[in-house]
PDB file of N, CA and C in Angstrom:
ATOM      1  N   UNK A   1      -3.356  -1.888 -14.379  1.00  0.00           N
ATOM      2  CA  UNK A   1      -2.131  -1.120 -14.337  1.00  0.00           C
ATOM      3  C   UNK A   1      -2.112  -0.124 -15.478  1.00  0.00           C
ATOM      4  N   UNK A   2      -1.235   0.847 -15.324  1.00  0.00           N
ATOM      5  CA  UNK A   2      -1.098   1.869 -16.341  1.00  0.00           C
ATOM      6  C   UNK A   2       0.157   1.610 -17.149  1.00  0.00           C
ATOM      7  N   UNK A   3       0.099   1.888 -18.409  1.00  0.00           N
ATOM      8  CA  UNK A   3       1.282   1.746 -19.244  1.00  0.00           C
ATOM      9  C   UNK A   3       0.890   1.387 -20.647  1.00  0.00           C
ATOM     10  N   UNK A   4       1.625   1.929 -21.571  1.00  0.00           N
ATOM     11  CA  UNK A   4       1.323   1.670 -22.973  1.00  0.00           C
ATOM     12  C   UNK A   4       2.162   0.534 -23.523  1.00  0.00           C
ATOM     13  N   UNK A   5       3.301   0.288 -22.909  1.00  0.00           N
ATOM     14  CA  UNK A   5       4.182  -0.750 -23.437  1.00  0.00           C
ATOM     15  C   UNK A   5       4.522  -1.752 -22.338  1.00  0.00           C
ATOM     16  N   UNK A   6       5.061  -2.866 -22.748  1.00  0.00           N
ATOM     17  CA  UNK A   6       5.462  -3.895 -21.786  1.00  0.00           C
ATOM     18  C   UNK A   6       6.535  -3.372 -20.842  1.00  0.00           C
ATOM     19  N   UNK A   7       7.429  -2.519 -21.348  1.00  0.00           N
ATOM     20  CA  UNK A   7       8.488  -1.988 -20.483  1.00  0.00           C
ATOM     21  C   UNK A   7       7.912  -1.065 -19.409  1.00  0.00           C
ATOM     22  N   UNK A   8       6.862  -0.298 -19.749  1.00  0.00           N
ATOM     23  CA  UNK A   8       6.194   0.540 -18.748  1.00  0.00           C
ATOM     24  C   UNK A   8       5.574  -0.326 -17.660  1.00  0.00           C
ATOM     25  N   UNK A   9       4.926  -1.394 -18.073  1.00  0.00           N
ATOM     26  CA  UNK A   9       4.267  -2.277 -17.118  1.00  0.00           C
ATOM     27  C   UNK A   9       5.300  -2.976 -16.241  1.00  0.00           C
ATOM     28  N   UNK A  10       6.409  -3.401 -16.832  1.00  0.00           N
ATOM     29  CA  UNK A  10       7.488  -4.020 -16.052  1.00  0.00           C
ATOM     30  C   UNK A  10       8.031  -3.055 -15.009  1.00  0.00           C
ATOM     31  N   UNK A  11       8.213  -1.807 -15.416  1.00  0.00           N
ATOM     32  CA  UNK A  11       8.742  -0.789 -14.505  1.00  0.00           C
ATOM     33  C   UNK A  11       7.788  -0.562 -13.332  1.00  0.00           C
ATOM     34  N   UNK A  12       6.492  -0.450 -13.623  1.00  0.00           N
ATOM     35  CA  UNK A  12       5.497  -0.222 -12.577  1.00  0.00           C
ATOM     36  C   UNK A  12       5.424  -1.427 -11.644  1.00  0.00           C
ATOM     37  N   UNK A  13       5.443  -2.629 -12.214  1.00  0.00           N
ATOM     38  CA  UNK A  13       5.436  -3.831 -11.371  1.00  0.00           C
ATOM     39  C   UNK A  13       6.656  -3.851 -10.465  1.00  0.00           C
ATOM     40  N   UNK A  14       7.807  -3.466 -11.015  1.00  0.00           N
ATOM     41  CA  UNK A  14       9.031  -3.415 -10.227  1.00  0.00           C
ATOM     42  C   UNK A  14       8.941  -2.409  -9.097  1.00  0.00           C
ATOM     43  N   UNK A  15       8.295  -1.281  -9.338  1.00  0.00           N
ATOM     44  CA  UNK A  15       8.123  -0.268  -8.284  1.00  0.00           C
ATOM     45  C   UNK A  15       7.217  -0.782  -7.181  1.00  0.00           C
ATOM     46  N   UNK A  16       6.164  -1.513  -7.544  1.00  0.00           N
ATOM     47  CA  UNK A  16       5.225  -2.027  -6.544  1.00  0.00           C
ATOM     48  C   UNK A  16       5.857  -3.158  -5.742  1.00  0.00           C
ATOM     49  N   UNK A  17       6.539  -4.054  -6.411  1.00  0.00           N
ATOM     50  CA  UNK A  17       7.122  -5.210  -5.728  1.00  0.00           C
ATOM     51  C   UNK A  17       8.374  -4.804  -4.962  1.00  0.00           C
ATOM     52  N   UNK A  18       9.227  -4.005  -5.569  1.00  0.00           N
ATOM     53  CA  UNK A  18      10.459  -3.583  -4.920  1.00  0.00           C
ATOM     54  C   UNK A  18      11.531  -4.651  -5.011  1.00  0.00           C
ATOM     55  N   UNK A  19      12.728  -4.300  -4.566  1.00  0.00           N
ATOM     56  CA  UNK A  19      13.841  -5.238  -4.605  1.00  0.00           C
ATOM     57  C   UNK A  19      13.596  -6.364  -3.604  1.00  0.00           C
ATOM     58  N   UNK A  20      13.622  -7.588  -4.096  1.00  0.00           N
ATOM     59  CA  UNK A  20      13.366  -8.788  -3.287  1.00  0.00           C
ATOM     60  C   UNK A  20      12.012  -8.731  -2.576  1.00  0.00           C
ATOM     61  N   UNK A  21      11.049  -7.997  -3.130  1.00  0.00           N
ATOM     62  CA  UNK A  21       9.708  -7.933  -2.551  1.00  0.00           C
ATOM     63  C   UNK A  21       9.587  -6.999  -1.363  1.00  0.00           C
ATOM     64  N   UNK A  22      10.592  -6.151  -1.152  1.00  0.00           N
ATOM     65  CA  UNK A  22      10.619  -5.287   0.034  1.00  0.00           C
ATOM     66  C   UNK A  22       9.433  -4.325   0.082  1.00  0.00           C
ATOM     67  N   UNK A  23       9.154  -3.635  -1.010  1.00  0.00           N
ATOM     68  CA  UNK A  23       8.077  -2.642  -1.023  1.00  0.00           C
ATOM     69  C   UNK A  23       6.731  -3.305  -0.782  1.00  0.00           C
ATOM     70  N   UNK A  24       6.482  -4.391  -1.471  1.00  0.00           N
ATOM     71  CA  UNK A  24       5.221  -5.107  -1.281  1.00  0.00           C
ATOM     72  C   UNK A  24       5.081  -5.561   0.167  1.00  0.00           C
ATOM     73  N   UNK A  25       6.156  -6.094   0.730  1.00  0.00           N
ATOM     74  CA  UNK A  25       6.137  -6.584   2.112  1.00  0.00           C
ATOM     75  C   UNK A  25       5.863  -5.442   3.100  1.00  0.00           C
ATOM     76  N   UNK A  26       6.476  -4.287   2.877  1.00  0.00           N
ATOM     77  CA  UNK A  26       6.248  -3.140   3.766  1.00  0.00           C
ATOM     78  C   UNK A  26       4.789  -2.691   3.695  1.00  0.00           C
ATOM     79  N   UNK A  27       4.242  -2.604   2.489  1.00  0.00           N
ATOM     80  CA  UNK A  27       2.835  -2.212   2.344  1.00  0.00           C
ATOM     81  C   UNK A  27       1.942  -3.225   3.050  1.00  0.00           C
ATOM     82  N   UNK A  28       2.223  -4.514   2.864  1.00  0.00           N
ATOM     83  CA  UNK A  28       1.421  -5.560   3.511  1.00  0.00           C
ATOM     84  C   UNK A  28       1.487  -5.448   5.029  1.00  0.00           C
ATOM     85  N   UNK A  29       2.689  -5.256   5.572  1.00  0.00           N
ATOM     86  CA  UNK A  29       2.856  -5.208   7.026  1.00  0.00           C
ATOM     87  C   UNK A  29       2.200  -3.970   7.633  1.00  0.00           C
ATOM     88  N   UNK A  30       2.354  -2.825   6.996  1.00  0.00           N
ATOM     89  CA  UNK A  30       1.821  -1.587   7.564  1.00  0.00           C
ATOM     90  C   UNK A  30       0.313  -1.457   7.395  1.00  0.00           C
ATOM     91  N   UNK A  31      -0.262  -2.188   6.445  1.00  0.00           N
ATOM     92  CA  UNK A  31      -1.712  -2.104   6.234  1.00  0.00           C
ATOM     93  C   UNK A  31      -2.437  -3.383   6.641  1.00  0.00           C
ATOM     94  N   UNK A  32      -1.693  -4.388   7.071  1.00  0.00           N
ATOM     95  CA  UNK A  32      -2.281  -5.678   7.459  1.00  0.00           C
ATOM     96  C   UNK A  32      -3.141  -6.237   6.317  1.00  0.00           C
ATOM     97  N   UNK A  33      -2.560  -6.256   5.119  1.00  0.00           N
ATOM     98  CA  UNK A  33      -3.244  -6.786   3.942  1.00  0.00           C
ATOM     99  C   UNK A  33      -2.353  -7.816   3.263  1.00  0.00           C
ATOM    100  N   UNK A  34      -2.927  -8.497   2.300  1.00  0.00           N
ATOM    101  CA  UNK A  34      -2.181  -9.408   1.431  1.00  0.00           C
ATOM    102  C   UNK A  34      -2.232  -8.829   0.026  1.00  0.00           C
ATOM    103  N   UNK A  35      -1.074  -8.707  -0.607  1.00  0.00           N
ATOM    104  CA  UNK A  35      -1.008  -8.103  -1.935  1.00  0.00           C
ATOM    105  C   UNK A  35      -0.373  -9.088  -2.900  1.00  0.00           C
ATOM    106  N   UNK A  36      -0.974  -9.217  -4.070  1.00  0.00           N
ATOM    107  CA  UNK A  36      -0.411 -10.058  -5.120  1.00  0.00           C
ATOM    108  C   UNK A  36      -0.333  -9.248  -6.407  1.00  0.00           C
ATOM    109  N   UNK A  37       0.769  -9.411  -7.116  1.00  0.00           N
ATOM    110  CA  UNK A  37       0.965  -8.743  -8.404  1.00  0.00           C
ATOM    111  C   UNK A  37       1.135  -9.848  -9.433  1.00  0.00           C
ATOM    112  N   UNK A  38       0.189  -9.921 -10.372  1.00  0.00           N
ATOM    113  CA  UNK A  38       0.208 -10.993 -11.358  1.00  0.00           C
ATOM    114  C   UNK A  38      -0.225 -10.424 -12.699  1.00  0.00           C
ATOM    115  N   UNK A  39       0.645 -10.509 -13.677  1.00  0.00           N
ATOM    116  CA  UNK A  39       0.297  -9.973 -14.997  1.00  0.00           C
ATOM    117  C   UNK A  39       0.071  -8.475 -14.924  1.00  0.00           C
ATOM    118  N   UNK A  40      -1.100  -8.035 -15.349  1.00  0.00           N
ATOM    119  CA  UNK A  40      -1.442  -6.611 -15.339  1.00  0.00           C
ATOM    120  C   UNK A  40      -2.333  -6.269 -14.159  1.00  0.00           C
ATOM    121  N   UNK A  41      -2.395  -7.138 -13.154  1.00  0.00           N
ATOM    122  CA  UNK A  41      -3.341  -6.980 -12.061  1.00  0.00           C
ATOM    123  C   UNK A  41      -2.628  -6.920 -10.721  1.00  0.00           C
ATOM    124  N   UNK A  42      -3.115  -6.041  -9.845  1.00  0.00           N
ATOM    125  CA  UNK A  42      -2.666  -6.001  -8.453  1.00  0.00           C
ATOM    126  C   UNK A  42      -3.879  -6.339  -7.604  1.00  0.00           C
ATOM    127  N   UNK A  43      -3.771  -7.395  -6.793  1.00  0.00           N
ATOM    128  CA  UNK A  43      -4.860  -7.803  -5.918  1.00  0.00           C
ATOM    129  C   UNK A  43      -4.537  -7.453  -4.481  1.00  0.00           C
ATOM    130  N   UNK A  44      -5.550  -6.952  -3.752  1.00  0.00           N
ATOM    131  CA  UNK A  44      -5.378  -6.585  -2.348  1.00  0.00           C
ATOM    132  C   UNK A  44      -6.482  -7.259  -1.549  1.00  0.00           C
ATOM    133  N   UNK A  45      -6.091  -7.989  -0.499  1.00  0.00           N
ATOM    134  CA  UNK A  45      -7.057  -8.644   0.374  1.00  0.00           C
ATOM    135  C   UNK A  45      -6.824  -8.140   1.791  1.00  0.00           C
ATOM    136  N   UNK A  46      -7.891  -7.702   2.447  1.00  0.00           N
ATOM    137  CA  UNK A  46      -7.795  -7.227   3.822  1.00  0.00           C
ATOM    138  C   UNK A  46      -9.060  -6.476   4.193  1.00  0.00           C
ATOM    139  N   UNK A  47      -9.071  -5.942   5.406  1.00  0.00           N
ATOM    140  CA  UNK A  47     -10.202  -5.127   5.836  1.00  0.00           C
ATOM    141  C   UNK A  47     -10.323  -3.935   4.898  1.00  0.00           C
ATOM    142  N   UNK A  48     -11.544  -3.464   4.712  1.00  0.00           N
ATOM    143  CA  UNK A  48     -11.805  -2.431   3.705  1.00  0.00           C
ATOM    144  C   UNK A  48     -10.971  -1.175   3.939  1.00  0.00           C
ATOM    145  N   UNK A  49     -10.864  -0.719   5.212  1.00  0.00           N
ATOM    146  CA  UNK A  49     -10.091   0.496   5.493  1.00  0.00           C
ATOM    147  C   UNK A  49      -8.624   0.281   5.136  1.00  0.00           C
ATOM    148  N   UNK A  50      -8.099  -0.888   5.506  1.00  0.00           N
ATOM    149  CA  UNK A  50      -6.695  -1.200   5.244  1.00  0.00           C
ATOM    150  C   UNK A  50      -6.438  -1.360   3.749  1.00  0.00           C
ATOM    151  N   UNK A  51      -7.366  -2.016   3.052  1.00  0.00           N
ATOM    152  CA  UNK A  51      -7.212  -2.220   1.614  1.00  0.00           C
ATOM    153  C   UNK A  51      -7.234  -0.882   0.872  1.00  0.00           C
ATOM    154  N   UNK A  52      -8.049   0.058   1.353  1.00  0.00           N
ATOM    155  CA  UNK A  52      -8.100   1.375   0.712  1.00  0.00           C
ATOM    156  C   UNK A  52      -6.779   2.123   0.881  1.00  0.00           C
ATOM    157  N   UNK A  53      -6.174   1.993   2.066  1.00  0.00           N
ATOM    158  CA  UNK A  53      -4.879   2.637   2.304  1.00  0.00           C
ATOM    159  C   UNK A  53      -3.815   1.996   1.414  1.00  0.00           C
ATOM    160  N   UNK A  54      -3.813   0.662   1.336  1.00  0.00           N
ATOM    161  CA  UNK A  54      -2.848  -0.041   0.485  1.00  0.00           C
ATOM    162  C   UNK A  54      -3.036   0.365  -0.973  1.00  0.00           C
ATOM    163  N   UNK A  55      -4.279   0.480  -1.401  1.00  0.00           N
ATOM    164  CA  UNK A  55      -4.570   0.876  -2.782  1.00  0.00           C
ATOM    165  C   UNK A  55      -4.033   2.275  -3.071  1.00  0.00           C
ATOM    166  N   UNK A  56      -4.245   3.182  -2.118  1.00  0.00           N
ATOM    167  CA  UNK A  56      -3.752   4.548  -2.305  1.00  0.00           C
ATOM    168  C   UNK A  56      -2.223   4.573  -2.391  1.00  0.00           C
ATOM    169  N   UNK A  57      -1.565   3.763  -1.553  1.00  0.00           N
ATOM    170  CA  UNK A  57      -0.099   3.688  -1.582  1.00  0.00           C
ATOM    171  C   UNK A  57       0.382   3.149  -2.931  1.00  0.00           C
ATOM    172  N   UNK A  58      -0.287   2.123  -3.432  1.00  0.00           N
ATOM    173  CA  UNK A  58       0.091   1.543  -4.723  1.00  0.00           C
ATOM    174  C   UNK A  58      -0.140   2.551  -5.847  1.00  0.00           C
ATOM    175  N   UNK A  59      -1.232   3.288  -5.772  1.00  0.00           N
ATOM    176  CA  UNK A  59      -1.491   4.315  -6.783  1.00  0.00           C
ATOM    177  C   UNK A  59      -0.424   5.405  -6.746  1.00  0.00           C
ATOM    178  N   UNK A  60       0.043   5.747  -5.542  1.00  0.00           N
ATOM    179  CA  UNK A  60       1.119   6.733  -5.422  1.00  0.00           C
ATOM    180  C   UNK A  60       2.374   6.231  -6.130  1.00  0.00           C
ATOM    181  N   UNK A  61       2.694   4.945  -5.947  1.00  0.00           N
ATOM    182  CA  UNK A  61       3.865   4.367  -6.607  1.00  0.00           C
ATOM    183  C   UNK A  61       3.698   4.376  -8.123  1.00  0.00           C
ATOM    184  N   UNK A  62       2.506   4.026  -8.591  1.00  0.00           N
ATOM    185  CA  UNK A  62       2.241   4.003 -10.031  1.00  0.00           C
ATOM    186  C   UNK A  62       2.400   5.404 -10.623  1.00  0.00           C
ATOM    187  N   UNK A  63       1.970   6.415  -9.870  1.00  0.00           N
ATOM    188  CA  UNK A  63       2.047   7.792 -10.360  1.00  0.00           C
ATOM    189  C   UNK A  63       3.451   8.374 -10.250  1.00  0.00           C
ATOM    190  N   UNK A  64       4.376   7.625  -9.638  1.00  0.00           N
ATOM    191  CA  UNK A  64       5.769   8.063  -9.621  1.00  0.00           C
ATOM    192  C   UNK A  64       6.272   8.635  -8.319  1.00  0.00           C
ATOM    193  N   UNK A  65       5.488   8.566  -7.242  1.00  0.00           N
ATOM    194  CA  UNK A  65       5.960   9.065  -5.949  1.00  0.00           C
ATOM    195  C   UNK A  65       7.172   8.271  -5.498  1.00  0.00           C
ATOM    196  N   UNK A  66       8.048   8.924  -4.760  1.00  0.00           N
ATOM    197  CA  UNK A  66       9.214   8.228  -4.236  1.00  0.00           C
ATOM    198  C   UNK A  66       8.775   7.223  -3.183  1.00  0.00           C
ATOM    199  N   UNK A  67       9.539   6.143  -3.064  1.00  0.00           N
ATOM    200  CA  UNK A  67       9.193   5.110  -2.103  1.00  0.00           C
ATOM    201  C   UNK A  67       9.175   5.662  -0.683  1.00  0.00           C
ATOM    202  N   UNK A  68      10.119   6.532  -0.343  1.00  0.00           N
ATOM    203  CA  UNK A  68      10.171   7.112   1.004  1.00  0.00           C
ATOM    204  C   UNK A  68       8.893   7.888   1.312  1.00  0.00           C
ATOM    205  N   UNK A  69       8.360   8.591   0.324  1.00  0.00           N
ATOM    206  CA  UNK A  69       7.114   9.339   0.498  1.00  0.00           C
ATOM    207  C   UNK A  69       5.958   8.388   0.779  1.00  0.00           C
ATOM    208  N   UNK A  70       5.921   7.288   0.059  1.00  0.00           N
ATOM    209  CA  UNK A  70       4.859   6.296   0.245  1.00  0.00           C
ATOM    210  C   UNK A  70       4.980   5.655   1.628  1.00  0.00           C
ATOM    211  N   UNK A  71       6.208   5.339   2.054  1.00  0.00           N
ATOM    212  CA  UNK A  71       6.409   4.736   3.374  1.00  0.00           C
ATOM    213  C   UNK A  71       5.967   5.690   4.477  1.00  0.00           C
ATOM    214  N   UNK A  72       6.264   6.986   4.345  1.00  0.00           N
ATOM    215  CA  UNK A  72       5.822   7.974   5.336  1.00  0.00           C
ATOM    216  C   UNK A  72       4.301   8.036   5.381  1.00  0.00           C
ATOM    217  N   UNK A  73       3.678   8.018   4.205  1.00  0.00           N
ATOM    218  CA  UNK A  73       2.219   8.012   4.121  1.00  0.00           C
ATOM    219  C   UNK A  73       1.648   6.805   4.862  1.00  0.00           C
ATOM    220  N   UNK A  74       2.240   5.627   4.637  1.00  0.00           N
ATOM    221  CA  UNK A  74       1.751   4.405   5.274  1.00  0.00           C
ATOM    222  C   UNK A  74       1.921   4.457   6.789  1.00  0.00           C
ATOM    223  N   UNK A  75       3.057   4.964   7.264  1.00  0.00           N
ATOM    224  CA  UNK A  75       3.277   5.084   8.711  1.00  0.00           C
ATOM    225  C   UNK A  75       2.259   6.043   9.332  1.00  0.00           C
ATOM    226  N   UNK A  76       1.997   7.165   8.658  1.00  0.00           N
ATOM    227  CA  UNK A  76       1.027   8.129   9.174  1.00  0.00           C
ATOM    228  C   UNK A  76      -0.371   7.511   9.247  1.00  0.00           C
ATOM    229  N   UNK A  77      -0.770   6.814   8.191  1.00  0.00           N
ATOM    230  CA  UNK A  77      -2.094   6.191   8.169  1.00  0.00           C
ATOM    231  C   UNK A  77      -2.210   5.102   9.234  1.00  0.00           C
ATOM    232  N   UNK A  78      -1.130   4.358   9.453  1.00  0.00           N
ATOM    233  CA  UNK A  78      -1.150   3.306  10.477  1.00  0.00           C
ATOM    234  C   UNK A  78      -1.345   3.921  11.860  1.00  0.00           C
ATOM    235  N   UNK A  79      -0.647   5.038  12.134  1.00  0.00           N
ATOM    236  CA  UNK A  79      -0.819   5.735  13.416  1.00  0.00           C
ATOM    237  C   UNK A  79      -2.258   6.203  13.578  1.00  0.00           C
ATOM    238  N   UNK A  80      -2.832   6.752  12.503  1.00  0.00           N
ATOM    239  CA  UNK A  80      -4.214   7.229  12.555  1.00  0.00           C
ATOM    240  C   UNK A  80      -5.181   6.084  12.836  1.00  0.00           C
ATOM    241  N   UNK A  81      -4.972   4.927  12.202  1.00  0.00           N
ATOM    242  CA  UNK A  81      -5.835   3.769  12.442  1.00  0.00           C
ATOM    243  C   UNK A  81      -5.731   3.294  13.883  1.00  0.00           C
ATOM    244  N   UNK A  82      -4.498   3.218  14.403  1.00  0.00           N
ATOM    245  CA  UNK A  82      -4.309   2.787  15.792  1.00  0.00           C
ATOM    246  C   UNK A  82      -4.983   3.755  16.753  1.00  0.00           C
ATOM    247  N   UNK A  83      -4.841   5.054  16.494  1.00  0.00           N
ATOM    248  CA  UNK A  83      -5.445   6.063  17.357  1.00  0.00           C
ATOM    249  C   UNK A  83      -6.963   5.940  17.347  1.00  0.00           C
ATOM    250  N   UNK A  84      -7.548   5.749  16.178  1.00  0.00           N
ATOM    251  CA  UNK A  84      -9.008   5.622  16.100  1.00  0.00           C
ATOM    252  C   UNK A  84      -9.486   4.344  16.782  1.00  0.00           C
ATOM    253  N   UNK A  85      -8.689   3.284  16.713  1.00  0.00           N
ATOM    254  CA  UNK A  85      -9.063   2.043  17.406  1.00  0.00           C
ATOM    255  C   UNK A  85      -9.012   2.238  18.920  1.00  0.00           C
ATOM    256  N   UNK A  86      -8.007   2.964  19.414  1.00  0.00           N
ATOM    257  CA  UNK A  86      -7.903   3.226  20.847  1.00  0.00           C
ATOM    258  C   UNK A  86      -9.050   4.099  21.332  1.00  0.00           C
ATOM    259  N   UNK A  87      -9.456   5.064  20.514  1.00  0.00           N
ATOM    260  CA  UNK A  87     -10.558   5.945  20.888  1.00  0.00           C
ATOM    261  C   UNK A  87     -11.869   5.182  21.015  1.00  0.00           C
ATOM    262  N   UNK A  88     -12.019   4.101  20.288  1.00  0.00           N
ATOM    263  CA  UNK A  88     -13.232   3.289  20.390  1.00  0.00           C
ATOM    264  C   UNK A  88     -13.367   2.654  21.764  1.00  0.00           C
ATOM    265  N   UNK A  89     -12.221   2.359  22.399  1.00  0.00           N
ATOM    266  CA  UNK A  89     -12.233   1.654  23.678  1.00  0.00           C
ATOM    267  C   UNK A  89     -12.169   2.576  24.887  1.00  0.00           C
ATOM    268  N   UNK A  90     -12.001   3.865  24.666  1.00  0.00           N
ATOM    269  CA  UNK A  90     -11.957   4.792  25.794  1.00  0.00           C
ATOM    270  C   UNK A  90     -13.342   4.921  26.405  1.00  0.00           C
ATOM    271  N   UNK A  91     -13.351   5.014  27.745  1.00  0.00           N
ATOM    272  CA  UNK A  91     -14.625   5.170  28.450  1.00  0.00           C
ATOM    273  C   UNK A  91     -15.058   6.630  28.410  1.00  0.00           C
ATOM    274  N   UNK A  92     -16.325   6.879  28.137  1.00  0.00           N
ATOM    275  CA  UNK A  92     -16.805   8.263  28.174  1.00  0.00           C
ATOM    276  C   UNK A  92     -16.835   8.758  29.617  1.00  0.00           C
ATOM    277  N   UNK A  93     -16.529  10.023  29.809  1.00  0.00           N
ATOM    278  CA  UNK A  93     -16.492  10.565  31.176  1.00  0.00           C
ATOM    279  C   UNK A  93     -17.795  11.187  31.562  1.00  0.00           C
TER     280      UNK A  93
END
């Protein structure tokens, strides 16, 4: 995590976790990953593509992006992943 003081780290952890864990839960649901925040560490478990998207979303939060911006980013990436998965199953003509 980034931060020079304990209060900076607390603030960043609060941004990642959100009120009652809402932000963390939304990131987990939209990326199909498991996220844990412990001490100065954020752990992400999931498929590599999904974990990379979750990591980017968390980095956006750390850098100060608004939560709504991060949620829009996650929704867009989820649509892109679904579309690419559907394209894999389409029959060539």
